[in-house]
Amino acid sequence: MKKQIIILFVCITLLVHQFETKAQAFEGKGSKTLSITIGAAQYFHFGGYYGGFHGGSFGYFYTPALAFNANLEFGVHKYVGIAPNVGIATSFYPGAFGLHIPLGVQGNFHFYQLIADKTKKDIHSDKLDVYAGLNLGGGPDIVFAGGADIGGFFYIGPQIGARYYLKNNLGITAELGYGRTIANFGLCYKLAAKK
């Protein structure tokens, strides 16, 4: 009887293990992923150097910038993550140099994980994560042009991105879009997975 119970336990364990789902690149609710990127961003400025098109008290002026960003995405649903982000960016003009500090948030829908779950096919969702979403933020900026003009900026737009994990927790990431990113490239690291 004891042998039969052990054999039954081993068979059930093997059967359950066979039907376990593979770990996914985006692990859903409870996961945390840190991304560090460099790339180009698009900002709308107001006040300071940009106000009223260089000199007025209020206005807006669009400029691209070279940005270094960090964001920490928290999984809030099986396929959705929210990522607060911070960075530092620079822009160059004839006779002027701008320094910008973007603070914002982006939301991502990890549709590749949904496709993997629904199709039940091996599409390498344990290594590859593809997502799309929206970003929103702003912050202060200083433009040095024979003096220092302090103003502000905002950004808003969509993004699409991908992460590919070279190891269990370490990967490369890229995003294309508008607002916080025209094109960003960098590294990503899973800090914690869902329990």
Protein backbone atom coordinates (compact mmCIF):
# COMPACT_ATOMS: atom_id res chain seq x y z
CA MET A 1 0.00 0.00 0.00
CA LYS A 2 2.83 2.35 0.89
CA LYS A 3 4.50 1.75 -2.51
CA GLN A 4 1.22 2.45 -4.32
CA ILE A 5 0.82 5.78 -2.50
CA ILE A 6 4.40 6.77 -3.39
CA ILE A 7 3.88 5.77 -7.05
CA LEU A 8 0.60 7.70 -7.16
CA PHE A 9 2.27 10.77 -5.59
CA VAL A 10 5.14 10.62 -8.13
CA CYS A 11 2.67 10.26 -11.05
CA ILE A 12 0.58 13.24 -9.87
CA THR A 13 3.73 15.35 -9.36
CA LEU A 14 4.97 14.54 -12.87
CA LEU A 15 1.56 15.23 -14.37
CA VAL A 16 1.23 18.62 -12.62
CA HIS A 17 4.80 19.54 -13.58
CA GLN A 18 4.10 18.68 -17.23
CA PHE A 19 1.19 21.13 -17.40
CA GLU A 20 2.85 23.95 -15.48
CA THR A 21 3.12 27.15 -17.49
CA LYS A 22 6.57 28.47 -18.24
CA ALA A 23 7.75 31.62 -16.54
CA GLN A 24 6.98 34.68 -18.59
CA ALA A 25 9.09 37.73 -19.34
CA PHE A 26 6.39 39.96 -17.79
CA GLU A 27 5.27 38.16 -14.66
CA GLY A 28 2.14 40.19 -13.98
CA LYS A 29 0.77 41.46 -10.70
CA GLY A 30 3.45 41.80 -8.04
CA SER A 31 6.39 41.91 -10.45
CA LYS A 32 8.93 44.75 -10.49
CA THR A 33 11.19 45.58 -13.44
CA LEU A 34 13.84 48.31 -13.48
CA SER A 35 14.80 49.79 -16.86
CA ILE A 36 17.73 52.17 -17.48
CA THR A 37 17.74 53.72 -20.96
CA ILE A 38 19.29 56.42 -23.10
CA GLY A 39 17.70 57.95 -26.16
CA ALA A 40 15.71 60.84 -27.56
CA ALA A 41 12.58 62.46 -26.10
CA GLN A 42 10.07 65.11 -27.20
CA TYR A 43 9.02 67.90 -24.83
CA PHE A 44 6.67 70.88 -24.97
CA HIS A 45 8.08 73.84 -23.01
CA PHE A 46 6.47 76.85 -21.40
CA GLY A 47 7.78 79.89 -19.55
CA GLY A 48 11.42 80.86 -19.16
CA TYR A 49 13.51 80.85 -22.33
CA TYR A 50 10.67 79.24 -24.30
CA GLY A 51 7.78 81.34 -23.04
CA GLY A 52 6.08 83.40 -25.72
CA PHE A 53 8.60 81.98 -28.21
CA HIS A 54 11.79 83.13 -26.46
CA GLY A 55 11.09 85.93 -24.08
CA GLY A 56 7.37 86.17 -23.27
CA SER A 57 5.85 85.07 -19.97
CA PHE A 58 3.93 82.11 -21.36
CA GLY A 59 3.92 80.08 -24.52
CA TYR A 60 5.05 76.73 -25.70
CA PHE A 61 7.92 75.49 -27.75
CA TYR A 62 8.58 71.96 -28.93
CA THR A 63 12.08 70.53 -28.82
CA PRO A 64 13.71 67.11 -29.01
CA ALA A 65 16.20 66.21 -26.27
CA LEU A 66 18.83 63.60 -25.48
CA ALA A 67 17.54 61.80 -22.38
CA PHE A 68 18.83 59.38 -19.77
CA ASN A 69 15.88 57.65 -18.05
CA ALA A 70 15.16 55.21 -15.26
CA ASN A 71 11.78 53.63 -14.61
CA LEU A 72 10.48 50.98 -12.26
CA GLU A 73 7.48 49.09 -13.62
CA PHE A 74 5.12 47.53 -11.08
CA GLY A 75 2.84 44.75 -12.31
CA VAL A 76 -0.69 45.71 -11.24
CA HIS A 77 -2.55 43.09 -13.32
CA LYS A 78 -1.63 39.93 -15.22
CA TYR A 79 -0.95 41.99 -18.36
CA VAL A 80 -0.67 45.60 -17.10
CA GLY A 81 2.20 47.49 -15.52
CA ILE A 82 2.54 51.05 -14.19
CA ALA A 83 6.01 52.62 -14.30
CA PRO A 84 6.99 55.85 -12.52
CA ASN A 85 10.06 57.33 -14.20
CA VAL A 86 12.71 59.98 -13.69
CA GLY A 87 15.52 61.22 -15.87
CA ILE A 88 17.79 63.98 -17.02
CA ALA A 89 17.82 65.38 -20.52
CA THR A 90 19.71 67.96 -22.56
CA SER A 91 18.93 69.95 -25.65
CA PHE A 92 21.18 72.17 -27.75
CA TYR A 93 20.38 75.33 -29.70
CA PRO A 94 22.55 77.94 -31.43
CA GLY A 95 24.06 79.81 -28.49
CA ALA A 96 21.99 77.97 -25.86
CA PHE A 97 21.98 74.76 -23.86
CA GLY A 98 18.96 73.28 -22.06
CA LEU A 99 18.87 71.01 -19.01
CA HIS A 100 15.57 69.21 -18.27
CA ILE A 101 14.45 66.94 -15.41
CA PRO A 102 11.55 64.75 -16.58
CA LEU A 103 9.28 63.14 -13.97
CA GLY A 104 6.34 61.06 -15.07
CA VAL A 105 4.55 57.77 -15.35
CA GLN A 106 3.75 55.32 -18.09
CA GLY A 107 1.25 52.52 -18.31
CA ASN A 108 1.95 49.41 -20.39
CA PHE A 109 -0.27 46.61 -21.68
CA HIS A 110 1.87 43.49 -22.20
CA PHE A 111 -0.05 42.01 -25.11
CA TYR A 112 2.61 39.45 -26.07
CA GLN A 113 2.02 37.67 -22.75
CA LEU A 114 -1.73 37.64 -23.47
CA ILE A 115 -1.11 36.13 -26.92
CA ALA A 116 1.14 33.46 -25.38
CA ASP A 117 -1.52 32.58 -22.79
CA LYS A 118 -4.37 32.43 -25.29
CA THR A 119 -2.58 30.46 -28.03
CA LYS A 120 -0.75 28.08 -25.64
CA LYS A 121 2.11 28.03 -28.16
CA ASP A 122 5.81 28.36 -27.45
CA ILE A 123 6.44 31.88 -28.78
CA HIS A 124 9.34 32.45 -26.35
CA SER A 125 7.25 34.54 -23.96
CA ASP A 126 9.65 33.47 -21.21
CA LYS A 127 12.37 35.56 -22.94
CA LEU A 128 10.47 38.16 -25.00
CA ASP A 129 8.03 40.79 -23.72
CA VAL A 130 6.31 43.16 -26.18
CA TYR A 131 4.05 45.91 -24.86
CA ALA A 132 2.31 49.18 -25.76
CA GLY A 133 1.04 52.03 -23.64
CA LEU A 134 0.87 55.73 -22.81
CA ASN A 135 3.25 58.11 -21.04
CA LEU A 136 2.63 61.41 -19.26
CA GLY A 137 4.85 63.76 -17.30
CA GLY A 138 6.78 66.99 -17.10
CA GLY A 139 9.19 68.91 -14.97
CA PRO A 140 11.47 71.93 -14.64
CA ASP A 141 14.06 73.06 -17.15
CA ILE A 142 16.88 75.57 -17.22
CA VAL A 143 18.21 77.07 -20.43
CA PHE A 144 21.63 78.66 -20.38
CA ALA A 145 21.85 81.38 -23.03
CA GLY A 146 23.98 84.20 -21.68
CA GLY A 147 22.13 83.68 -18.40
CA ALA A 148 19.86 81.06 -16.87
CA ASP A 149 16.15 81.03 -17.72
CA ILE A 150 13.97 78.71 -15.64
CA GLY A 151 10.79 77.27 -17.11
CA GLY A 152 8.89 74.04 -17.37
CA PHE A 153 7.84 71.38 -19.84
CA PHE A 154 5.37 68.55 -20.27
CA TYR A 155 5.09 65.48 -22.44
CA ILE A 156 2.38 63.03 -23.38
CA GLY A 157 2.24 60.27 -25.95
CA PRO A 158 2.11 56.58 -26.83
CA GLN A 159 4.95 54.07 -26.81
CA ILE A 160 5.61 50.54 -27.96
CA GLY A 161 8.44 48.56 -26.49
CA ALA A 162 10.15 45.21 -26.20
CA ARG A 163 12.34 43.49 -23.65
CA TYR A 164 14.46 40.46 -24.37
CA TYR A 165 15.93 38.60 -21.39
CA LEU A 166 19.44 37.24 -21.93
CA LYS A 167 19.37 35.66 -18.47
CA ASN A 168 16.49 34.98 -16.06
CA ASN A 169 16.46 38.53 -14.67
CA LEU A 170 18.71 40.60 -16.98
CA GLY A 171 17.73 41.78 -20.43
CA ILE A 172 17.86 44.48 -23.07
CA THR A 173 15.01 46.88 -23.79
CA ALA A 174 13.95 49.28 -26.55
CA GLU A 175 11.03 51.70 -26.96
CA LEU A 176 9.69 53.81 -29.80
CA GLY A 177 7.01 56.44 -29.47
CA TYR A 178 6.22 60.06 -28.74
CA GLY A 179 6.65 62.14 -25.58
CA ARG A 180 8.99 60.47 -23.10
CA THR A 181 10.51 58.51 -25.95
CA ILE A 182 11.22 58.92 -29.62
CA ALA A 183 13.64 56.00 -29.32
CA ASN A 184 15.17 54.62 -26.10
CA PHE A 185 17.55 51.69 -25.66
CA GLY A 186 19.05 50.14 -22.55
CA LEU A 187 19.00 47.40 -19.94
CA CYS A 188 16.22 45.93 -17.82
CA TYR A 189 16.36 43.91 -14.63
CA LYS A 190 13.62 42.01 -12.78
CA LEU A 191 13.82 43.04 -9.13
CA ALA A 192 11.05 40.79 -7.90
CA ALA A 193 8.52 38.40 -9.29
CA LYS A 194 4.99 37.80 -8.16
CA LYS A 195 4.62 35.39 -5.25
